[in-house]
Amino acid sequence: AKAVNRILSSLRPPEVVTRAKASDAEIITLIHRHWKAVEGRSSRMLRYLRDDLGVACEQSRFRDLFNIAQDERA
């Protein structure tokens, strides 16, 4: 137990990331605006929204919104 406590004492909890909430329309607009930056790839777009733009979006919700944006581009 002492060895475990000694090892764990040097660890810190991960940083909590807070992202801005956005409406469906706002996210679709962001998808259109940054389409070229991610070469139209949905997985890259979700990472871009979350990591670079700081926007919160649940994966299944994003999938639906990305499909809408993709249909609008066609």
PDB file of N, CA and C in Angstrom:
ATOM      1  N   ALA A   1       0.832  -1.191   0.000  1.00  0.00           N
ATOM      2  CA  ALA A   1       0.000   0.000   0.000  1.00  0.00           C
ATOM      3  C   ALA A   1       0.876   1.254   0.000  1.00  0.00           C
ATOM      4  N   LYS A   2       1.986   1.209   0.764  1.00  0.00           N
ATOM      5  CA  LYS A   2       2.872   2.378   0.805  1.00  0.00           C
ATOM      6  C   LYS A   2       3.499   2.631  -0.562  1.00  0.00           C
ATOM      7  N   ALA A   3       3.894   1.565  -1.237  1.00  0.00           N
ATOM      8  CA  ALA A   3       4.507   1.714  -2.562  1.00  0.00           C
ATOM      9  C   ALA A   3       3.498   2.306  -3.556  1.00  0.00           C
ATOM     10  N   VAL A   4       2.269   1.832  -3.499  1.00  0.00           N
ATOM     11  CA  VAL A   4       1.229   2.351  -4.390  1.00  0.00           C
ATOM     12  C   VAL A   4       0.969   3.818  -4.089  1.00  0.00           C
ATOM     13  N   ASN A   5       0.828   4.168  -2.831  1.00  0.00           N
ATOM     14  CA  ASN A   5       0.602   5.558  -2.448  1.00  0.00           C
ATOM     15  C   ASN A   5       1.758   6.453  -2.871  1.00  0.00           C
ATOM     16  N   ARG A   6       2.992   5.950  -2.763  1.00  0.00           N
ATOM     17  CA  ARG A   6       4.165   6.728  -3.155  1.00  0.00           C
ATOM     18  C   ARG A   6       4.134   7.005  -4.662  1.00  0.00           C
ATOM     19  N   ILE A   7       3.805   5.988  -5.442  1.00  0.00           N
ATOM     20  CA  ILE A   7       3.740   6.157  -6.897  1.00  0.00           C
ATOM     21  C   ILE A   7       2.583   7.082  -7.284  1.00  0.00           C
ATOM     22  N   LEU A   8       1.438   6.872  -6.668  1.00  0.00           N
ATOM     23  CA  LEU A   8       0.266   7.687  -7.004  1.00  0.00           C
ATOM     24  C   LEU A   8       0.405   9.141  -6.559  1.00  0.00           C
ATOM     25  N   SER A   9       1.202   9.398  -5.543  1.00  0.00           N
ATOM     26  CA  SER A   9       1.342  10.765  -5.035  1.00  0.00           C
ATOM     27  C   SER A   9       1.970  11.705  -6.059  1.00  0.00           C
ATOM     28  N   SER A  10       2.716  11.171  -7.019  1.00  0.00           N
ATOM     29  CA  SER A  10       3.338  12.024  -8.037  1.00  0.00           C
ATOM     30  C   SER A  10       2.396  12.309  -9.211  1.00  0.00           C
ATOM     31  N   LEU A  11       1.279  11.617  -9.267  1.00  0.00           N
ATOM     32  CA  LEU A  11       0.336  11.808 -10.361  1.00  0.00           C
ATOM     33  C   LEU A  11      -0.662  12.910 -10.035  1.00  0.00           C
ATOM     34  N   ARG A  12      -1.093  13.611 -11.067  1.00  0.00           N
ATOM     35  CA  ARG A  12      -2.099  14.663 -10.915  1.00  0.00           C
ATOM     36  C   ARG A  12      -3.291  14.315 -11.798  1.00  0.00           C
ATOM     37  N   PRO A  13      -4.490  14.701 -11.383  1.00  0.00           N
ATOM     38  CA  PRO A  13      -5.655  14.415 -12.222  1.00  0.00           C
ATOM     39  C   PRO A  13      -5.558  15.176 -13.542  1.00  0.00           C
ATOM     40  N   PRO A  14      -6.166  14.630 -14.600  1.00  0.00           N
ATOM     41  CA  PRO A  14      -6.113  15.326 -15.888  1.00  0.00           C
ATOM     42  C   PRO A  14      -6.839  16.665 -15.821  1.00  0.00           C
ATOM     43  N   GLU A  15      -6.400  17.582 -16.659  1.00  0.00           N
ATOM     44  CA  GLU A  15      -7.012  18.901 -16.720  1.00  0.00           C
ATOM     45  C   GLU A  15      -8.411  18.781 -17.312  1.00  0.00           C
ATOM     46  N   VAL A  16      -9.365  19.446 -16.700  1.00  0.00           N
ATOM     47  CA  VAL A  16     -10.739  19.418 -17.187  1.00  0.00           C
ATOM     48  C   VAL A  16     -10.878  20.470 -18.289  1.00  0.00           C
ATOM     49  N   VAL A  17     -11.323  20.020 -19.448  1.00  0.00           N
ATOM     50  CA  VAL A  17     -11.486  20.915 -20.590  1.00  0.00           C
ATOM     51  C   VAL A  17     -12.944  21.340 -20.677  1.00  0.00           C
ATOM     52  N   THR A  18     -13.171  22.633 -20.739  1.00  0.00           N
ATOM     53  CA  THR A  18     -14.530  23.126 -20.921  1.00  0.00           C
ATOM     54  C   THR A  18     -14.626  23.729 -22.315  1.00  0.00           C
ATOM     55  N   ARG A  19     -15.649  23.334 -23.015  1.00  0.00           N
ATOM     56  CA  ARG A  19     -15.851  23.808 -24.376  1.00  0.00           C
ATOM     57  C   ARG A  19     -17.172  24.564 -24.457  1.00  0.00           C
ATOM     58  N   ALA A  20     -17.229  25.491 -25.393  1.00  0.00           N
ATOM     59  CA  ALA A  20     -18.426  26.307 -25.574  1.00  0.00           C
ATOM     60  C   ALA A  20     -19.541  25.479 -26.199  1.00  0.00           C
ATOM     61  N   LYS A  21     -20.748  25.715 -25.746  1.00  0.00           N
ATOM     62  CA  LYS A  21     -21.908  25.063 -26.340  1.00  0.00           C
ATOM     63  C   LYS A  21     -22.316  25.839 -27.581  1.00  0.00           C
ATOM     64  N   ALA A  22     -22.836  25.138 -28.574  1.00  0.00           N
ATOM     65  CA  ALA A  22     -23.272  25.782 -29.811  1.00  0.00           C
ATOM     66  C   ALA A  22     -24.547  25.109 -30.301  1.00  0.00           C
ATOM     67  N   SER A  23     -25.363  25.892 -30.977  1.00  0.00           N
ATOM     68  CA  SER A  23     -26.600  25.344 -31.543  1.00  0.00           C
ATOM     69  C   SER A  23     -26.274  24.510 -32.772  1.00  0.00           C
ATOM     70  N   ASP A  24     -27.257  23.765 -33.230  1.00  0.00           N
ATOM     71  CA  ASP A  24     -27.075  22.967 -34.441  1.00  0.00           C
ATOM     72  C   ASP A  24     -26.701  23.861 -35.622  1.00  0.00           C
ATOM     73  N   ALA A  25     -27.403  24.976 -35.761  1.00  0.00           N
ATOM     74  CA  ALA A  25     -27.138  25.890 -36.876  1.00  0.00           C
ATOM     75  C   ALA A  25     -25.717  26.455 -36.799  1.00  0.00           C
ATOM     76  N   GLU A  26     -25.258  26.778 -35.598  1.00  0.00           N
ATOM     77  CA  GLU A  26     -23.900  27.299 -35.437  1.00  0.00           C
ATOM     78  C   GLU A  26     -22.855  26.252 -35.819  1.00  0.00           C
ATOM     79  N   ILE A  27     -23.092  25.020 -35.428  1.00  0.00           N
ATOM     80  CA  ILE A  27     -22.140  23.958 -35.748  1.00  0.00           C
ATOM     81  C   ILE A  27     -22.121  23.690 -37.252  1.00  0.00           C
ATOM     82  N   ILE A  28     -23.275  23.685 -37.890  1.00  0.00           N
ATOM     83  CA  ILE A  28     -23.321  23.492 -39.340  1.00  0.00           C
ATOM     84  C   ILE A  28     -22.563  24.624 -40.037  1.00  0.00           C
ATOM     85  N   THR A  29     -22.724  25.845 -39.568  1.00  0.00           N
ATOM     86  CA  THR A  29     -21.994  26.980 -40.135  1.00  0.00           C
ATOM     87  C   THR A  29     -20.491  26.794 -39.974  1.00  0.00           C
ATOM     88  N   LEU A  30     -20.065  26.327 -38.801  1.00  0.00           N
ATOM     89  CA  LEU A  30     -18.641  26.080 -38.577  1.00  0.00           C
ATOM     90  C   LEU A  30     -18.124  24.966 -39.491  1.00  0.00           C
ATOM     91  N   ILE A  31     -18.935  23.947 -39.703  1.00  0.00           N
ATOM     92  CA  ILE A  31     -18.541  22.854 -40.597  1.00  0.00           C
ATOM     93  C   ILE A  31     -18.305  23.403 -41.999  1.00  0.00           C
ATOM     94  N   HIS A  32     -19.238  24.216 -42.484  1.00  0.00           N
ATOM     95  CA  HIS A  32     -19.078  24.806 -43.817  1.00  0.00           C
ATOM     96  C   HIS A  32     -17.832  25.697 -43.871  1.00  0.00           C
ATOM     97  N   ARG A  33     -17.657  26.508 -42.864  1.00  0.00           N
ATOM     98  CA  ARG A  33     -16.559  27.477 -42.840  1.00  0.00           C
ATOM     99  C   ARG A  33     -15.187  26.801 -42.843  1.00  0.00           C
ATOM    100  N   HIS A  34     -15.071  25.655 -42.191  1.00  0.00           N
ATOM    101  CA  HIS A  34     -13.771  25.003 -42.026  1.00  0.00           C
ATOM    102  C   HIS A  34     -13.640  23.713 -42.839  1.00  0.00           C
ATOM    103  N   TRP A  35     -14.529  23.528 -43.803  1.00  0.00           N
ATOM    104  CA  TRP A  35     -14.564  22.317 -44.627  1.00  0.00           C
ATOM    105  C   TRP A  35     -13.213  22.047 -45.291  1.00  0.00           C
ATOM    106  N   LYS A  36     -12.640  23.066 -45.908  1.00  0.00           N
ATOM    107  CA  LYS A  36     -11.377  22.876 -46.625  1.00  0.00           C
ATOM    108  C   LYS A  36     -10.217  22.574 -45.682  1.00  0.00           C
ATOM    109  N   ALA A  37     -10.241  23.151 -44.504  1.00  0.00           N
ATOM    110  CA  ALA A  37      -9.144  22.951 -43.543  1.00  0.00           C
ATOM    111  C   ALA A  37      -8.996  21.492 -43.147  1.00  0.00           C
ATOM    112  N   VAL A  38     -10.107  20.751 -43.174  1.00  0.00           N
ATOM    113  CA  VAL A  38     -10.074  19.333 -42.789  1.00  0.00           C
ATOM    114  C   VAL A  38     -10.307  18.408 -43.983  1.00  0.00           C
ATOM    115  N   GLU A  39     -10.288  19.009 -45.180  1.00  0.00           N
ATOM    116  CA  GLU A  39     -10.454  18.261 -46.426  1.00  0.00           C
ATOM    117  C   GLU A  39     -11.765  17.473 -46.466  1.00  0.00           C
ATOM    118  N   GLY A  40     -12.808  18.002 -45.834  1.00  0.00           N
ATOM    119  CA  GLY A  40     -14.121  17.371 -45.865  1.00  0.00           C
ATOM    120  C   GLY A  40     -14.223  16.059 -45.117  1.00  0.00           C
ATOM    121  N   ARG A  41     -13.319  15.819 -44.191  1.00  0.00           N
ATOM    122  CA  ARG A  41     -13.313  14.546 -43.454  1.00  0.00           C
ATOM    123  C   ARG A  41     -13.968  14.734 -42.089  1.00  0.00           C
ATOM    124  N   SER A  42     -14.976  13.928 -41.821  1.00  0.00           N
ATOM    125  CA  SER A  42     -15.772  14.115 -40.608  1.00  0.00           C
ATOM    126  C   SER A  42     -14.975  13.903 -39.324  1.00  0.00           C
ATOM    127  N   SER A  43     -14.125  12.882 -39.285  1.00  0.00           N
ATOM    128  CA  SER A  43     -13.375  12.624 -38.052  1.00  0.00           C
ATOM    129  C   SER A  43     -12.412  13.779 -37.749  1.00  0.00           C
ATOM    130  N   ARG A  44     -11.810  14.329 -38.770  1.00  0.00           N
ATOM    131  CA  ARG A  44     -10.924  15.473 -38.566  1.00  0.00           C
ATOM    132  C   ARG A  44     -11.712  16.712 -38.167  1.00  0.00           C
ATOM    133  N   MET A  45     -12.910  16.849 -38.721  1.00  0.00           N
ATOM    134  CA  MET A  45     -13.745  18.004 -38.391  1.00  0.00           C
ATOM    135  C   MET A  45     -14.150  17.997 -36.924  1.00  0.00           C
ATOM    136  N   LEU A  46     -14.528  16.841 -36.405  1.00  0.00           N
ATOM    137  CA  LEU A  46     -14.921  16.774 -34.998  1.00  0.00           C
ATOM    138  C   LEU A  46     -13.746  17.147 -34.100  1.00  0.00           C
ATOM    139  N   ARG A  47     -12.554  16.631 -34.386  1.00  0.00           N
ATOM    140  CA  ARG A  47     -11.363  16.978 -33.612  1.00  0.00           C
ATOM    141  C   ARG A  47     -11.069  18.471 -33.742  1.00  0.00           C
ATOM    142  N   TYR A  48     -11.231  19.018 -34.941  1.00  0.00           N
ATOM    143  CA  TYR A  48     -10.991  20.436 -35.188  1.00  0.00           C
ATOM    144  C   TYR A  48     -11.960  21.283 -34.371  1.00  0.00           C
ATOM    145  N   LEU A  49     -13.238  20.913 -34.391  1.00  0.00           N
ATOM    146  CA  LEU A  49     -14.230  21.654 -33.605  1.00  0.00           C
ATOM    147  C   LEU A  49     -13.882  21.632 -32.124  1.00  0.00           C
ATOM    148  N   ARG A  50     -13.552  20.470 -31.631  1.00  0.00           N
ATOM    149  CA  ARG A  50     -13.280  20.329 -30.200  1.00  0.00           C
ATOM    150  C   ARG A  50     -11.948  20.960 -29.792  1.00  0.00           C
ATOM    151  N   ASP A  51     -10.884  20.609 -30.512  1.00  0.00           N
ATOM    152  CA  ASP A  51      -9.538  20.997 -30.082  1.00  0.00           C
ATOM    153  C   ASP A  51      -9.146  22.408 -30.505  1.00  0.00           C
ATOM    154  N   ASP A  52      -9.442  22.764 -31.750  1.00  0.00           N
ATOM    155  CA  ASP A  52      -8.999  24.062 -32.262  1.00  0.00           C
ATOM    156  C   ASP A  52     -10.008  25.175 -32.020  1.00  0.00           C
ATOM    157  N   LEU A  53     -11.282  24.874 -32.169  1.00  0.00           N
ATOM    158  CA  LEU A  53     -12.309  25.897 -32.008  1.00  0.00           C
ATOM    159  C   LEU A  53     -12.920  25.918 -30.613  1.00  0.00           C
ATOM    160  N   GLY A  54     -12.676  24.878 -29.822  1.00  0.00           N
ATOM    161  CA  GLY A  54     -13.185  24.827 -28.455  1.00  0.00           C
ATOM    162  C   GLY A  54     -14.689  24.699 -28.359  1.00  0.00           C
ATOM    163  N   VAL A  55     -15.296  24.007 -29.322  1.00  0.00           N
ATOM    164  CA  VAL A  55     -16.745  23.841 -29.359  1.00  0.00           C
ATOM    165  C   VAL A  55     -17.108  22.434 -28.891  1.00  0.00           C
ATOM    166  N   ALA A  56     -18.087  22.348 -28.025  1.00  0.00           N
ATOM    167  CA  ALA A  56     -18.563  21.054 -27.537  1.00  0.00           C
ATOM    168  C   ALA A  56     -19.565  20.480 -28.530  1.00  0.00           C
ATOM    169  N   CYS A  57     -19.416  19.195 -28.819  1.00  0.00           N
ATOM    170  CA  CYS A  57     -20.386  18.512 -29.682  1.00  0.00           C
ATOM    171  C   CYS A  57     -20.256  17.021 -29.451  1.00  0.00           C
ATOM    172  N   GLU A  58     -21.340  16.388 -29.079  1.00  0.00           N
ATOM    173  CA  GLU A  58     -21.364  14.946 -28.862  1.00  0.00           C
ATOM    174  C   GLU A  58     -21.253  14.244 -30.212  1.00  0.00           C
ATOM    175  N   GLN A  59     -20.606  13.119 -30.228  1.00  0.00           N
ATOM    176  CA  GLN A  59     -20.247  12.452 -31.472  1.00  0.00           C
ATOM    177  C   GLN A  59     -21.443  12.105 -32.360  1.00  0.00           C
ATOM    178  N   SER A  60     -22.498  11.532 -31.813  1.00  0.00           N
ATOM    179  CA  SER A  60     -23.641  11.156 -32.652  1.00  0.00           C
ATOM    180  C   SER A  60     -24.382  12.397 -33.149  1.00  0.00           C
ATOM    181  N   ARG A  61     -24.451  13.429 -32.336  1.00  0.00           N
ATOM    182  CA  ARG A  61     -25.054  14.690 -32.772  1.00  0.00           C
ATOM    183  C   ARG A  61     -24.224  15.283 -33.910  1.00  0.00           C
ATOM    184  N   PHE A  62     -22.908  15.274 -33.756  1.00  0.00           N
ATOM    185  CA  PHE A  62     -22.029  15.800 -34.789  1.00  0.00           C
ATOM    186  C   PHE A  62     -22.214  15.035 -36.102  1.00  0.00           C
ATOM    187  N   ARG A  63     -22.309  13.716 -36.026  1.00  0.00           N
ATOM    188  CA  ARG A  63     -22.475  12.903 -37.231  1.00  0.00           C
ATOM    189  C   ARG A  63     -23.688  13.364 -38.024  1.00  0.00           C
ATOM    190  N   ASP A  64     -24.803  13.570 -37.328  1.00  0.00           N
ATOM    191  CA  ASP A  64     -26.023  14.014 -38.005  1.00  0.00           C
ATOM    192  C   ASP A  64     -25.844  15.402 -38.624  1.00  0.00           C
ATOM    193  N   LEU A  65     -25.203  16.305 -37.881  1.00  0.00           N
ATOM    194  CA  LEU A  65     -24.998  17.666 -38.375  1.00  0.00           C
ATOM    195  C   LEU A  65     -24.011  17.685 -39.545  1.00  0.00           C
ATOM    196  N   PHE A  66     -22.996  16.858 -39.475  1.00  0.00           N
ATOM    197  CA  PHE A  66     -22.033  16.774 -40.567  1.00  0.00           C
ATOM    198  C   PHE A  66     -22.720  16.272 -41.838  1.00  0.00           C
ATOM    199  N   ASN A  67     -23.588  15.276 -41.692  1.00  0.00           N
ATOM    200  CA  ASN A  67     -24.317  14.751 -42.849  1.00  0.00           C
ATOM    201  C   ASN A  67     -25.219  15.819 -43.469  1.00  0.00           C
ATOM    202  N   ILE A  68     -25.845  16.632 -42.636  1.00  0.00           N
ATOM    203  CA  ILE A  68     -26.677  17.737 -43.143  1.00  0.00           C
ATOM    204  C   ILE A  68     -25.812  18.716 -43.929  1.00  0.00           C
ATOM    205  N   ALA A  69     -24.678  19.097 -43.348  1.00  0.00           N
ATOM    206  CA  ALA A  69     -23.775  20.037 -44.013  1.00  0.00           C
ATOM    207  C   ALA A  69     -23.258  19.455 -45.319  1.00  0.00           C
ATOM    208  N   GLN A  70     -22.956  18.181 -45.318  1.00  0.00           N
ATOM    209  CA  GLN A  70     -22.452  17.515 -46.526  1.00  0.00           C
ATOM    210  C   GLN A  70     -23.526  17.518 -47.616  1.00  0.00           C
ATOM    211  N   ASP A  71     -24.766  17.244 -47.246  1.00  0.00           N
ATOM    212  CA  ASP A  71     -25.871  17.280 -48.214  1.00  0.00           C
ATOM    213  C   ASP A  71     -26.065  18.683 -48.766  1.00  0.00           C
ATOM    214  N   GLU A  72     -25.910  19.700 -47.927  1.00  0.00           N
ATOM    215  CA  GLU A  72     -26.056  21.083 -48.370  1.00  0.00           C
ATOM    216  C   GLU A  72     -24.970  21.476 -49.362  1.00  0.00           C
ATOM    217  N   ARG A  73     -23.796  20.881 -49.232  1.00  0.00           N
ATOM    218  CA  ARG A  73     -22.679  21.189 -50.133  1.00  0.00           C
ATOM    219  C   ARG A  73     -22.850  20.531 -51.493  1.00  0.00           C
ATOM    220  N   ALA A  74     -23.679  19.503 -51.552  1.00  0.00           N
ATOM    221  CA  ALA A  74     -23.846  18.757 -52.821  1.00  0.00           C
ATOM    222  C   ALA A  74     -24.682  19.498 -53.828  1.00  0.00           C
TER     223      ALA A  74
END
